[in-house]
Amino acid sequence: MKKVMIVDDSPTILMSVSGVLERHNLEPLTANNAEEGIKLLESGMKPDLIISDLNMPGMNGIEFVKKVRTMTGMRFTPILMLTTESQQARRDEARQAGATGWLVKPVQGDQLMQVIRKVLPGV
């Protein structure tokens, strides 16, 4: 079963995205903020995909992506940004940091799975 880490400070988003993943036989791994996500990765967690919020207290999503990309074994792990922001400048900034794709909240389950299937073949 493929593992998907969800990093978001919203309990509602963590719950709803986890539910969608579970219905599609994916294992959700949740972190309430970027710092917690980094700790989980440093402890040896190796997700097949990471979905991260952009605006979080403390370390934001772009800083999180930059940090993840420097970690051993994480260079090619797909990272999707899930955010309320839709400005092209922020998308470009996230892509330059190493993000694979961008989803605007609220995202429907079928739309989320469509994007996941593009970055995680065989799902």
PDB file of N, CA and C in Angstrom:
ATOM      1  N   MET A   1       0.842  -1.181   0.000  1.00  0.00           N
ATOM      2  CA  MET A   1       0.000   0.000   0.000  1.00  0.00           C
ATOM      3  C   MET A   1       0.887   1.244   0.000  1.00  0.00           C
ATOM      4  N   LYS A   2       0.578   2.166  -0.906  1.00  0.00           N
ATOM      5  CA  LYS A   2       1.362   3.401  -0.994  1.00  0.00           C
ATOM      6  C   LYS A   2       1.001   4.335   0.162  1.00  0.00           C
ATOM      7  N   LYS A   3       2.029   5.033   0.656  1.00  0.00           N
ATOM      8  CA  LYS A   3       1.858   5.947   1.786  1.00  0.00           C
ATOM      9  C   LYS A   3       1.879   7.390   1.305  1.00  0.00           C
ATOM     10  N   VAL A   4       0.937   8.180   1.818  1.00  0.00           N
ATOM     11  CA  VAL A   4       0.848   9.591   1.462  1.00  0.00           C
ATOM     12  C   VAL A   4       0.885  10.422   2.743  1.00  0.00           C
ATOM     13  N   MET A   5       1.909  11.286   2.860  1.00  0.00           N
ATOM     14  CA  MET A   5       1.989  12.190   4.010  1.00  0.00           C
ATOM     15  C   MET A   5       1.200  13.449   3.707  1.00  0.00           C
ATOM     16  N   ILE A   6       0.337  13.837   4.656  1.00  0.00           N
ATOM     17  CA  ILE A   6      -0.444  15.070   4.534  1.00  0.00           C
ATOM     18  C   ILE A   6       0.047  16.012   5.625  1.00  0.00           C
ATOM     19  N   VAL A   7       0.496  17.197   5.235  1.00  0.00           N
ATOM     20  CA  VAL A   7       1.002  18.183   6.183  1.00  0.00           C
ATOM     21  C   VAL A   7       0.088  19.406   6.100  1.00  0.00           C
ATOM     22  N   ASP A   8      -0.702  19.624   7.158  1.00  0.00           N
ATOM     23  CA  ASP A   8      -1.656  20.734   7.145  1.00  0.00           C
ATOM     24  C   ASP A   8      -2.024  21.074   8.583  1.00  0.00           C
ATOM     25  N   ASP A   9      -2.166  22.353   8.880  1.00  0.00           N
ATOM     26  CA  ASP A   9      -2.535  22.765  10.240  1.00  0.00           C
ATOM     27  C   ASP A   9      -4.048  22.721  10.474  1.00  0.00           C
ATOM     28  N   SER A  10      -4.812  22.322   9.469  1.00  0.00           N
ATOM     29  CA  SER A  10      -6.266  22.228   9.600  1.00  0.00           C
ATOM     30  C   SER A  10      -6.690  20.782   9.855  1.00  0.00           C
ATOM     31  N   PRO A  11      -7.248  20.495  11.054  1.00  0.00           N
ATOM     32  CA  PRO A  11      -7.726  19.130  11.336  1.00  0.00           C
ATOM     33  C   PRO A  11      -8.776  18.667  10.325  1.00  0.00           C
ATOM     34  N   THR A  12      -9.590  19.600   9.830  1.00  0.00           N
ATOM     35  CA  THR A  12     -10.631  19.257   8.858  1.00  0.00           C
ATOM     36  C   THR A  12     -10.007  18.763   7.556  1.00  0.00           C
ATOM     37  N   ILE A  13      -8.980  19.447   7.072  1.00  0.00           N
ATOM     38  CA  ILE A  13      -8.307  19.036   5.839  1.00  0.00           C
ATOM     39  C   ILE A  13      -7.628  17.683   6.051  1.00  0.00           C
ATOM     40  N   LEU A  14      -6.933  17.523   7.182  1.00  0.00           N
ATOM     41  CA  LEU A  14      -6.276  16.242   7.460  1.00  0.00           C
ATOM     42  C   LEU A  14      -7.290  15.102   7.423  1.00  0.00           C
ATOM     43  N   MET A  15      -8.451  15.320   8.035  1.00  0.00           N
ATOM     44  CA  MET A  15      -9.476  14.293   8.100  1.00  0.00           C
ATOM     45  C   MET A  15     -10.080  14.007   6.718  1.00  0.00           C
ATOM     46  N   SER A  16     -10.425  15.056   5.980  1.00  0.00           N
ATOM     47  CA  SER A  16     -11.091  14.842   4.689  1.00  0.00           C
ATOM     48  C   SER A  16     -10.139  14.221   3.661  1.00  0.00           C
ATOM     49  N   VAL A  17      -8.898  14.692   3.601  1.00  0.00           N
ATOM     50  CA  VAL A  17      -7.946  14.128   2.634  1.00  0.00           C
ATOM     51  C   VAL A  17      -7.607  12.686   3.025  1.00  0.00           C
ATOM     52  N   SER A  18      -7.442  12.430   4.329  1.00  0.00           N
ATOM     53  CA  SER A  18      -7.179  11.056   4.785  1.00  0.00           C
ATOM     54  C   SER A  18      -8.304  10.118   4.362  1.00  0.00           C
ATOM     55  N   GLY A  19      -9.542  10.584   4.493  1.00  0.00           N
ATOM     56  CA  GLY A  19     -10.696   9.776   4.104  1.00  0.00           C
ATOM     57  C   GLY A  19     -10.683   9.423   2.632  1.00  0.00           C
ATOM     58  N   VAL A  20     -10.365  10.400   1.789  1.00  0.00           N
ATOM     59  CA  VAL A  20     -10.288  10.151   0.342  1.00  0.00           C
ATOM     60  C   VAL A  20      -9.197   9.119   0.054  1.00  0.00           C
ATOM     61  N   LEU A  21      -8.038   9.297   0.673  1.00  0.00           N
ATOM     62  CA  LEU A  21      -6.918   8.374   0.441  1.00  0.00           C
ATOM     63  C   LEU A  21      -7.281   6.948   0.863  1.00  0.00           C
ATOM     64  N   GLU A  22      -7.886   6.821   2.044  1.00  0.00           N
ATOM     65  CA  GLU A  22      -8.251   5.491   2.549  1.00  0.00           C
ATOM     66  C   GLU A  22      -9.242   4.794   1.628  1.00  0.00           C
ATOM     67  N   ARG A  23     -10.191   5.556   1.065  1.00  0.00           N
ATOM     68  CA  ARG A  23     -11.174   4.969   0.145  1.00  0.00           C
ATOM     69  C   ARG A  23     -10.521   4.470  -1.140  1.00  0.00           C
ATOM     70  N   HIS A  24      -9.311   4.949  -1.423  1.00  0.00           N
ATOM     71  CA  HIS A  24      -8.593   4.527  -2.636  1.00  0.00           C
ATOM     72  C   HIS A  24      -7.384   3.658  -2.296  1.00  0.00           C
ATOM     73  N   ASN A  25      -7.459   3.008  -1.131  1.00  0.00           N
ATOM     74  CA  ASN A  25      -6.418   2.077  -0.689  1.00  0.00           C
ATOM     75  C   ASN A  25      -5.030   2.690  -0.597  1.00  0.00           C
ATOM     76  N   LEU A  26      -4.975   3.929  -0.128  1.00  0.00           N
ATOM     77  CA  LEU A  26      -3.703   4.592   0.147  1.00  0.00           C
ATOM     78  C   LEU A  26      -3.626   4.804   1.656  1.00  0.00           C
ATOM     79  N   GLU A  27      -2.417   4.743   2.204  1.00  0.00           N
ATOM     80  CA  GLU A  27      -2.244   4.908   3.649  1.00  0.00           C
ATOM     81  C   GLU A  27      -1.880   6.346   3.978  1.00  0.00           C
ATOM     82  N   PRO A  28      -2.783   7.089   4.664  1.00  0.00           N
ATOM     83  CA  PRO A  28      -2.461   8.472   5.027  1.00  0.00           C
ATOM     84  C   PRO A  28      -1.567   8.539   6.269  1.00  0.00           C
ATOM     85  N   LEU A  29      -0.595   9.431   6.224  1.00  0.00           N
ATOM     86  CA  LEU A  29       0.284   9.722   7.356  1.00  0.00           C
ATOM     87  C   LEU A  29       0.140  11.217   7.578  1.00  0.00           C
ATOM     88  N   THR A  30      -0.258  11.650   8.763  1.00  0.00           N
ATOM     89  CA  THR A  30      -0.561  13.070   8.952  1.00  0.00           C
ATOM     90  C   THR A  30       0.429  13.779   9.864  1.00  0.00           C
ATOM     91  N   ALA A  31       0.640  15.055   9.553  1.00  0.00           N
ATOM     92  CA  ALA A  31       1.446  15.946  10.374  1.00  0.00           C
ATOM     93  C   ALA A  31       0.683  17.259  10.490  1.00  0.00           C
ATOM     94  N   ASN A  32       0.631  17.824  11.709  1.00  0.00           N
ATOM     95  CA  ASN A  32      -0.134  19.052  11.956  1.00  0.00           C
ATOM     96  C   ASN A  32       0.579  20.325  11.525  1.00  0.00           C
ATOM     97  N   ASN A  33       1.860  20.215  11.181  1.00  0.00           N
ATOM     98  CA  ASN A  33       2.611  21.374  10.707  1.00  0.00           C
ATOM     99  C   ASN A  33       3.888  20.883  10.028  1.00  0.00           C
ATOM    100  N   ALA A  34       4.612  21.803   9.409  1.00  0.00           N
ATOM    101  CA  ALA A  34       5.806  21.435   8.650  1.00  0.00           C
ATOM    102  C   ALA A  34       6.892  20.847   9.546  1.00  0.00           C
ATOM    103  N   GLU A  35       7.062  21.414  10.742  1.00  0.00           N
ATOM    104  CA  GLU A  35       8.088  20.921  11.653  1.00  0.00           C
ATOM    105  C   GLU A  35       7.827  19.463  12.032  1.00  0.00           C
ATOM    106  N   GLU A  36       6.561  19.128  12.287  1.00  0.00           N
ATOM    107  CA  GLU A  36       6.199  17.754  12.616  1.00  0.00           C
ATOM    108  C   GLU A  36       6.459  16.838  11.415  1.00  0.00           C
ATOM    109  N   GLY A  37       6.146  17.332  10.219  1.00  0.00           N
ATOM    110  CA  GLY A  37       6.410  16.563   9.001  1.00  0.00           C
ATOM    111  C   GLY A  37       7.896  16.259   8.836  1.00  0.00           C
ATOM    112  N   ILE A  38       8.736  17.255   9.081  1.00  0.00           N
ATOM    113  CA  ILE A  38      10.190  17.066   8.982  1.00  0.00           C
ATOM    114  C   ILE A  38      10.649  16.019  10.001  1.00  0.00           C
ATOM    115  N   LYS A  39      10.130  16.105  11.230  1.00  0.00           N
ATOM    116  CA  LYS A  39      10.520  15.135  12.271  1.00  0.00           C
ATOM    117  C   LYS A  39      10.152  13.713  11.862  1.00  0.00           C
ATOM    118  N   LEU A  40       8.964  13.540  11.279  1.00  0.00           N
ATOM    119  CA  LEU A  40       8.548  12.212  10.839  1.00  0.00           C
ATOM    120  C   LEU A  40       9.475  11.681   9.740  1.00  0.00           C
ATOM    121  N   LEU A  41       9.835  12.551   8.805  1.00  0.00           N
ATOM    122  CA  LEU A  41      10.741  12.141   7.731  1.00  0.00           C
ATOM    123  C   LEU A  41      12.124  11.814   8.290  1.00  0.00           C
ATOM    124  N   GLU A  42      12.594  12.616   9.218  1.00  0.00           N
ATOM    125  CA  GLU A  42      13.907  12.385   9.821  1.00  0.00           C
ATOM    126  C   GLU A  42      13.931  11.098  10.645  1.00  0.00           C
ATOM    127  N   SER A  43      12.764  10.675  11.138  1.00  0.00           N
ATOM    128  CA  SER A  43      12.692   9.451  11.938  1.00  0.00           C
ATOM    129  C   SER A  43      12.657   8.204  11.055  1.00  0.00           C
ATOM    130  N   GLY A  44      12.674   8.409   9.736  1.00  0.00           N
ATOM    131  CA  GLY A  44      12.731   7.267   8.823  1.00  0.00           C
ATOM    132  C   GLY A  44      11.489   7.023   7.999  1.00  0.00           C
ATOM    133  N   MET A  45      10.447   7.819   8.178  1.00  0.00           N
ATOM    134  CA  MET A  45       9.243   7.652   7.377  1.00  0.00           C
ATOM    135  C   MET A  45       9.560   7.968   5.914  1.00  0.00           C
ATOM    136  N   LYS A  46       9.113   7.096   5.006  1.00  0.00           N
ATOM    137  CA  LYS A  46       9.376   7.285   3.582  1.00  0.00           C
ATOM    138  C   LYS A  46       8.060   7.238   2.799  1.00  0.00           C
ATOM    139  N   PRO A  47       7.345   8.355   2.738  1.00  0.00           N
ATOM    140  CA  PRO A  47       6.084   8.351   1.978  1.00  0.00           C
ATOM    141  C   PRO A  47       6.353   8.294   0.472  1.00  0.00           C
ATOM    142  N   ASP A  48       5.358   7.788  -0.260  1.00  0.00           N
ATOM    143  CA  ASP A  48       5.454   7.740  -1.722  1.00  0.00           C
ATOM    144  C   ASP A  48       5.053   9.078  -2.326  1.00  0.00           C
ATOM    145  N   LEU A  49       4.338   9.895  -1.546  1.00  0.00           N
ATOM    146  CA  LEU A  49       3.837  11.203  -1.977  1.00  0.00           C
ATOM    147  C   LEU A  49       3.641  12.063  -0.733  1.00  0.00           C
ATOM    148  N   ILE A  50       3.872  13.368  -0.878  1.00  0.00           N
ATOM    149  CA  ILE A  50       3.611  14.319   0.197  1.00  0.00           C
ATOM    150  C   ILE A  50       2.632  15.365  -0.328  1.00  0.00           C
ATOM    151  N   ILE A  51       1.608  15.662   0.468  1.00  0.00           N
ATOM    152  CA  ILE A  51       0.671  16.744   0.162  1.00  0.00           C
ATOM    153  C   ILE A  51       0.825  17.756   1.293  1.00  0.00           C
ATOM    154  N   SER A  52       1.190  18.987   0.964  1.00  0.00           N
ATOM    155  CA  SER A  52       1.444  19.994   1.987  1.00  0.00           C
ATOM    156  C   SER A  52       0.648  21.263   1.755  1.00  0.00           C
ATOM    157  N   ASP A  53       0.174  21.827   2.859  1.00  0.00           N
ATOM    158  CA  ASP A  53      -0.443  23.144   2.848  1.00  0.00           C
ATOM    159  C   ASP A  53       0.654  24.170   2.573  1.00  0.00           C
ATOM    160  N   LEU A  54       0.297  25.322   2.091  1.00  0.00           N
ATOM    161  CA  LEU A  54       1.270  26.394   1.864  1.00  0.00           C
ATOM    162  C   LEU A  54       1.382  27.283   3.102  1.00  0.00           C
ATOM    163  N   ASN A  55       0.251  27.770   3.590  1.00  0.00           N
ATOM    164  CA  ASN A  55       0.250  28.708   4.720  1.00  0.00           C
ATOM    165  C   ASN A  55       0.026  27.974   6.029  1.00  0.00           C
ATOM    166  N   MET A  56       1.102  27.841   6.801  1.00  0.00           N
ATOM    167  CA  MET A  56       1.036  27.202   8.117  1.00  0.00           C
ATOM    168  C   MET A  56       1.838  28.058   9.091  1.00  0.00           C
ATOM    169  N   PRO A  57       1.481  27.992  10.383  1.00  0.00           N
ATOM    170  CA  PRO A  57       2.291  28.717  11.364  1.00  0.00           C
ATOM    171  C   PRO A  57       3.689  28.108  11.437  1.00  0.00           C
ATOM    172  N   GLY A  58       4.675  28.925  11.759  1.00  0.00           N
ATOM    173  CA  GLY A  58       6.055  28.425  11.780  1.00  0.00           C
ATOM    174  C   GLY A  58       6.571  28.296  10.357  1.00  0.00           C
ATOM    175  N   MET A  59       7.113  27.157  10.041  1.00  0.00           N
ATOM    176  CA  MET A  59       7.643  26.899   8.696  1.00  0.00           C
ATOM    177  C   MET A  59       6.482  26.792   7.696  1.00  0.00           C
ATOM    178  N   ASN A  60       6.544  27.567   6.603  1.00  0.00           N
ATOM    179  CA  ASN A  60       5.470  27.474   5.608  1.00  0.00           C
ATOM    180  C   ASN A  60       5.746  26.322   4.630  1.00  0.00           C
ATOM    181  N   GLY A  61       4.795  26.089   3.740  1.00  0.00           N
ATOM    182  CA  GLY A  61       4.897  24.964   2.812  1.00  0.00           C
ATOM    183  C   GLY A  61       6.084  25.037   1.876  1.00  0.00           C
ATOM    184  N   ILE A  62       6.439  26.224   1.419  1.00  0.00           N
ATOM    185  CA  ILE A  62       7.574  26.367   0.502  1.00  0.00           C
ATOM    186  C   ILE A  62       8.890  26.066   1.226  1.00  0.00           C
ATOM    187  N   GLU A  63       9.022  26.569   2.455  1.00  0.00           N
ATOM    188  CA  GLU A  63      10.211  26.251   3.257  1.00  0.00           C
ATOM    189  C   GLU A  63      10.278  24.742   3.529  1.00  0.00           C
ATOM    190  N   PHE A  64       9.110  24.130   3.773  1.00  0.00           N
ATOM    191  CA  PHE A  64       9.027  22.696   4.007  1.00  0.00           C
ATOM    192  C   PHE A  64       9.537  21.921   2.784  1.00  0.00           C
ATOM    193  N   VAL A  65       9.059  22.306   1.603  1.00  0.00           N
ATOM    194  CA  VAL A  65       9.478  21.635   0.366  1.00  0.00           C
ATOM    195  C   VAL A  65      10.992  21.750   0.183  1.00  0.00           C
ATOM    196  N   LYS A  66      11.524  22.946   0.386  1.00  0.00           N
ATOM    197  CA  LYS A  66      12.976  23.145   0.248  1.00  0.00           C
ATOM    198  C   LYS A  66      13.741  22.221   1.186  1.00  0.00           C
ATOM    199  N   LYS A  67      13.290  22.123   2.434  1.00  0.00           N
ATOM    200  CA  LYS A  67      13.946  21.274   3.428  1.00  0.00           C
ATOM    201  C   LYS A  67      13.859  19.796   3.024  1.00  0.00           C
ATOM    202  N   VAL A  68      12.666  19.372   2.602  1.00  0.00           N
ATOM    203  CA  VAL A  68      12.470  17.970   2.208  1.00  0.00           C
ATOM    204  C   VAL A  68      13.396  17.608   1.049  1.00  0.00           C
ATOM    205  N   ARG A  69      13.535  18.508   0.098  1.00  0.00           N
ATOM    206  CA  ARG A  69      14.365  18.227  -1.083  1.00  0.00           C
ATOM    207  C   ARG A  69      15.846  18.044  -0.737  1.00  0.00           C
ATOM    208  N   THR A  70      16.279  18.518   0.430  1.00  0.00           N
ATOM    209  CA  THR A  70      17.678  18.335   0.837  1.00  0.00           C
ATOM    210  C   THR A  70      17.878  17.028   1.602  1.00  0.00           C
ATOM    211  N   MET A  71      16.783  16.330   1.928  1.00  0.00           N
ATOM    212  CA  MET A  71      16.884  15.120   2.744  1.00  0.00           C
ATOM    213  C   MET A  71      17.202  13.898   1.887  1.00  0.00           C
ATOM    214  N   THR A  72      17.993  12.992   2.460  1.00  0.00           N
ATOM    215  CA  THR A  72      18.385  11.767   1.767  1.00  0.00           C
ATOM    216  C   THR A  72      17.162  10.970   1.340  1.00  0.00           C
ATOM    217  N   GLY A  73      17.127  10.582   0.062  1.00  0.00           N
ATOM    218  CA  GLY A  73      16.048   9.761  -0.455  1.00  0.00           C
ATOM    219  C   GLY A  73      14.765  10.497  -0.780  1.00  0.00           C
ATOM    220  N   MET A  74      14.741  11.811  -0.617  1.00  0.00           N
ATOM    221  CA  MET A  74      13.499  12.566  -0.839  1.00  0.00           C
ATOM    222  C   MET A  74      13.546  13.452  -2.088  1.00  0.00           C
ATOM    223  N   ARG A  75      14.635  13.380  -2.825  1.00  0.00           N
ATOM    224  CA  ARG A  75      14.818  14.274  -3.962  1.00  0.00           C
ATOM    225  C   ARG A  75      13.733  14.126  -5.032  1.00  0.00           C
ATOM    226  N   PHE A  76      13.272  12.883  -5.235  1.00  0.00           N
ATOM    227  CA  PHE A  76      12.309  12.650  -6.316  1.00  0.00           C
ATOM    228  C   PHE A  76      10.909  12.301  -5.828  1.00  0.00           C
ATOM    229  N   THR A  77      10.680  12.369  -4.520  1.00  0.00           N
ATOM    230  CA  THR A  77       9.341  12.103  -3.984  1.00  0.00           C
ATOM    231  C   THR A  77       8.401  13.220  -4.436  1.00  0.00           C
ATOM    232  N   PRO A  78       7.275  12.879  -5.075  1.00  0.00           N
ATOM    233  CA  PRO A  78       6.349  13.938  -5.505  1.00  0.00           C
ATOM    234  C   PRO A  78       5.786  14.701  -4.306  1.00  0.00           C
ATOM    235  N   ILE A  79       5.717  16.027  -4.447  1.00  0.00           N
ATOM    236  CA  ILE A  79       5.145  16.879  -3.411  1.00  0.00           C
ATOM    237  C   ILE A  79       4.090  17.775  -4.058  1.00  0.00           C
ATOM    238  N   LEU A  80       2.853  17.665  -3.563  1.00  0.00           N
ATOM    239  CA  LEU A  80       1.761  18.508  -4.048  1.00  0.00           C
ATOM    240  C   LEU A  80       1.458  19.569  -3.008  1.00  0.00           C
ATOM    241  N   MET A  81       1.272  20.805  -3.457  1.00  0.00           N
ATOM    242  CA  MET A  81       0.851  21.888  -2.568  1.00  0.00           C
ATOM    243  C   MET A  81      -0.672  21.953  -2.624  1.00  0.00           C
ATOM    244  N   LEU A  82      -1.306  22.003  -1.448  1.00  0.00           N
ATOM    245  CA  LEU A  82      -2.759  22.112  -1.341  1.00  0.00           C
ATOM    246  C   LEU A  82      -3.039  23.390  -0.566  1.00  0.00           C
ATOM    247  N   THR A  83      -3.589  24.392  -1.246  1.00  0.00           N
ATOM    248  CA  THR A  83      -3.698  25.711  -0.624  1.00  0.00           C
ATOM    249  C   THR A  83      -4.900  26.487  -1.149  1.00  0.00           C
ATOM    250  N   THR A  84      -5.264  27.533  -0.438  1.00  0.00           N
ATOM    251  CA  THR A  84      -6.339  28.412  -0.893  1.00  0.00           C
ATOM    252  C   THR A  84      -5.814  29.427  -1.898  1.00  0.00           C
ATOM    253  N   GLU A  85      -4.502  29.561  -1.985  1.00  0.00           N
ATOM    254  CA  GLU A  85      -3.910  30.556  -2.892  1.00  0.00           C
ATOM    255  C   GLU A  85      -3.853  30.033  -4.321  1.00  0.00           C
ATOM    256  N   SER A  86      -4.051  30.940  -5.271  1.00  0.00           N
ATOM    257  CA  SER A  86      -4.007  30.526  -6.667  1.00  0.00           C
ATOM    258  C   SER A  86      -3.124  31.433  -7.527  1.00  0.00           C
ATOM    259  N   GLN A  87      -2.401  32.373  -6.916  1.00  0.00           N
ATOM    260  CA  GLN A  87      -1.574  33.291  -7.702  1.00  0.00           C
ATOM    261  C   GLN A  87      -0.428  32.550  -8.391  1.00  0.00           C
ATOM    262  N   GLN A  88      -0.189  32.912  -9.637  1.00  0.00           N
ATOM    263  CA  GLN A  88       0.865  32.270 -10.424  1.00  0.00           C
ATOM    264  C   GLN A  88       2.242  32.462  -9.789  1.00  0.00           C
ATOM    265  N   ALA A  89       2.494  33.615  -9.179  1.00  0.00           N
ATOM    266  CA  ALA A  89       3.799  33.869  -8.562  1.00  0.00           C
ATOM    267  C   ALA A  89       4.078  32.869  -7.441  1.00  0.00           C
ATOM    268  N   ARG A  90       3.049  32.559  -6.638  1.00  0.00           N
ATOM    269  CA  ARG A  90       3.221  31.580  -5.554  1.00  0.00           C
ATOM    270  C   ARG A  90       3.435  30.179  -6.122  1.00  0.00           C
ATOM    271  N   ARG A  91       2.727  29.861  -7.198  1.00  0.00           N
ATOM    272  CA  ARG A  91       2.912  28.556  -7.851  1.00  0.00           C
ATOM    273  C   ARG A  91       4.340  28.432  -8.365  1.00  0.00           C
ATOM    274  N   ASP A  92       4.821  29.486  -8.993  1.00  0.00           N
ATOM    275  CA  ASP A  92       6.194  29.472  -9.523  1.00  0.00           C
ATOM    276  C   ASP A  92       7.208  29.310  -8.397  1.00  0.00           C
ATOM    277  N   GLU A  93       6.963  30.022  -7.293  1.00  0.00           N
ATOM    278  CA  GLU A  93       7.859  29.931  -6.131  1.00  0.00           C
ATOM    279  C   GLU A  93       7.878  28.499  -5.586  1.00  0.00           C
ATOM    280  N   ALA A  94       6.717  27.874  -5.511  1.00  0.00           N
ATOM    281  CA  ALA A  94       6.627  26.497  -5.009  1.00  0.00           C
ATOM    282  C   ALA A  94       7.333  25.534  -5.967  1.00  0.00           C
ATOM    283  N   ARG A  95       7.148  25.731  -7.261  1.00  0.00           N
ATOM    284  CA  ARG A  95       7.788  24.850  -8.252  1.00  0.00           C
ATOM    285  C   ARG A  95       9.306  24.986  -8.174  1.00  0.00           C
ATOM    286  N   GLN A  96       9.795  26.213  -8.036  1.00  0.00           N
ATOM    287  CA  GLN A  96      11.240  26.438  -7.921  1.00  0.00           C
ATOM    288  C   GLN A  96      11.792  25.792  -6.656  1.00  0.00           C
ATOM    289  N   ALA A  97      10.988  25.716  -5.601  1.00  0.00           N
ATOM    290  CA  ALA A  97      11.412  25.094  -4.349  1.00  0.00           C
ATOM    291  C   ALA A  97      11.464  23.573  -4.480  1.00  0.00           C
ATOM    292  N   GLY A  98      10.738  23.047  -5.481  1.00  0.00           N
ATOM    293  CA  GLY A  98      10.749  21.602  -5.697  1.00  0.00           C
ATOM    294  C   GLY A  98       9.390  20.934  -5.660  1.00  0.00           C
ATOM    295  N   ALA A  99       8.306  21.722  -5.581  1.00  0.00           N
ATOM    296  CA  ALA A  99       6.961  21.135  -5.582  1.00  0.00           C
ATOM    297  C   ALA A  99       6.644  20.559  -6.959  1.00  0.00           C
ATOM    298  N   THR A 100       5.933  19.447  -6.957  1.00  0.00           N
ATOM    299  CA  THR A 100       5.585  18.753  -8.194  1.00  0.00           C
ATOM    300  C   THR A 100       4.304  19.301  -8.806  1.00  0.00           C
ATOM    301  N   GLY A 101       3.337  19.678  -7.949  1.00  0.00           N
ATOM    302  CA  GLY A 101       2.050  20.146  -8.449  1.00  0.00           C
ATOM    303  C   GLY A 101       1.353  21.032  -7.434  1.00  0.00           C
ATOM    304  N   TRP A 102       0.164  21.534  -7.814  1.00  0.00           N
ATOM    305  CA  TRP A 102      -0.555  22.544  -7.035  1.00  0.00           C
ATOM    306  C   TRP A 102      -2.040  22.251  -7.098  1.00  0.00           C
ATOM    307  N   LEU A 103      -2.694  22.213  -5.945  1.00  0.00           N
ATOM    308  CA  LEU A 103      -4.143  22.040  -5.874  1.00  0.00           C
ATOM    309  C   LEU A 103      -4.726  23.175  -5.043  1.00  0.00           C
ATOM    310  N   VAL A 104      -5.860  23.728  -5.481  1.00  0.00           N
ATOM    311  CA  VAL A 104      -6.493  24.823  -4.758  1.00  0.00           C
ATOM    312  C   VAL A 104      -7.645  24.263  -3.920  1.00  0.00           C
ATOM    313  N   LYS A 105      -7.645  24.637  -2.623  1.00  0.00           N
ATOM    314  CA  LYS A 105      -8.730  24.243  -1.712  1.00  0.00           C
ATOM    315  C   LYS A 105      -9.982  25.037  -2.036  1.00  0.00           C
ATOM    316  N   PRO A 106     -11.149  24.505  -1.861  1.00  0.00           N
ATOM    317  CA  PRO A 106     -11.401  23.116  -1.477  1.00  0.00           C
ATOM    318  C   PRO A 106     -11.255  22.209  -2.696  1.00  0.00           C
ATOM    319  N   VAL A 107     -10.644  21.059  -2.505  1.00  0.00           N
ATOM    320  CA  VAL A 107     -10.443  20.127  -3.613  1.00  0.00           C
ATOM    321  C   VAL A 107     -11.411  18.957  -3.436  1.00  0.00           C
ATOM    322  N   GLN A 108     -12.037  18.567  -4.526  1.00  0.00           N
ATOM    323  CA  GLN A 108     -12.956  17.428  -4.496  1.00  0.00           C
ATOM    324  C   GLN A 108     -12.143  16.135  -4.536  1.00  0.00           C
ATOM    325  N   GLY A 109     -12.682  15.091  -3.940  1.00  0.00           N
ATOM    326  CA  GLY A 109     -11.986  13.814  -3.871  1.00  0.00           C
ATOM    327  C   GLY A 109     -11.561  13.274  -5.217  1.00  0.00           C
ATOM    328  N   ASP A 110     -12.464  13.350  -6.223  1.00  0.00           N
ATOM    329  CA  ASP A 110     -12.112  12.831  -7.543  1.00  0.00           C
ATOM    330  C   ASP A 110     -11.017  13.659  -8.204  1.00  0.00           C
ATOM    331  N   GLN A 111     -11.033  14.970  -7.982  1.00  0.00           N
ATOM    332  CA  GLN A 111      -9.989  15.846  -8.528  1.00  0.00           C
ATOM    333  C   GLN A 111      -8.645  15.538  -7.861  1.00  0.00           C
ATOM    334  N   LEU A 112      -8.662  15.334  -6.547  1.00  0.00           N
ATOM    335  CA  LEU A 112      -7.449  14.992  -5.809  1.00  0.00           C
ATOM    336  C   LEU A 112      -6.869  13.680  -6.341  1.00  0.00           C
ATOM    337  N   MET A 113      -7.711  12.680  -6.517  1.00  0.00           N
ATOM    338  CA  MET A 113      -7.228  11.375  -6.995  1.00  0.00           C
ATOM    339  C   MET A 113      -6.715  11.456  -8.429  1.00  0.00           C
ATOM    340  N   GLN A 114      -7.324  12.299  -9.242  1.00  0.00           N
ATOM    341  CA  GLN A 114      -6.865  12.473 -10.622  1.00  0.00           C
ATOM    342  C   GLN A 114      -5.421  12.984 -10.624  1.00  0.00           C
ATOM    343  N   VAL A 115      -5.123  13.956  -9.775  1.00  0.00           N
ATOM    344  CA  VAL A 115      -3.770  14.510  -9.697  1.00  0.00           C
ATOM    345  C   VAL A 115      -2.815  13.480  -9.090  1.00  0.00           C
ATOM    346  N   ILE A 116      -3.257  12.794  -8.054  1.00  0.00           N
ATOM    347  CA  ILE A 116      -2.406  11.772  -7.427  1.00  0.00           C
ATOM    348  C   ILE A 116      -2.024  10.700  -8.440  1.00  0.00           C
ATOM    349  N   ARG A 117      -2.973  10.273  -9.262  1.00  0.00           N
ATOM    350  CA  ARG A 117      -2.681   9.238 -10.273  1.00  0.00           C
ATOM    351  C   ARG A 117      -1.640   9.713 -11.290  1.00  0.00           C
ATOM    352  N   LYS A 118      -1.598  11.015 -11.550  1.00  0.00           N
ATOM    353  CA  LYS A 118      -0.608  11.553 -12.482  1.00  0.00           C
ATOM    354  C   LYS A 118       0.810  11.480 -11.915  1.00  0.00           C
ATOM    355  N   VAL A 119       0.942  11.701 -10.595  1.00  0.00           N
ATOM    356  CA  VAL A 119       2.283  11.735  -9.993  1.00  0.00           C
ATOM    357  C   VAL A 119       2.685  10.414  -9.340  1.00  0.00           C
ATOM    358  N   LEU A 120       1.714   9.523  -9.119  1.00  0.00           N
ATOM    359  CA  LEU A 120       1.988   8.205  -8.525  1.00  0.00           C
ATOM    360  C   LEU A 120       1.413   7.117  -9.425  1.00  0.00           C
ATOM    361  N   PRO A 121       2.154   6.698 -10.417  1.00  0.00           N
ATOM    362  CA  PRO A 121       1.643   5.658 -11.332  1.00  0.00           C
ATOM    363  C   PRO A 121       1.253   4.392 -10.580  1.00  0.00           C
ATOM    364  N   GLY A 122       0.215   3.744 -11.055  1.00  0.00           N
ATOM    365  CA  GLY A 122      -0.202   2.492 -10.460  1.00  0.00           C
ATOM    366  C   GLY A 122      -1.186   2.626  -9.321  1.00  0.00           C
ATOM    367  N   VAL A 123      -1.661   3.853  -9.046  1.00  0.00           N
ATOM    368  CA  VAL A 123      -2.626   4.062  -7.956  1.00  0.00           C
ATOM    369  C   VAL A 123      -4.019   3.878  -8.514  1.00  0.00           C
TER     370      VAL A 123
END
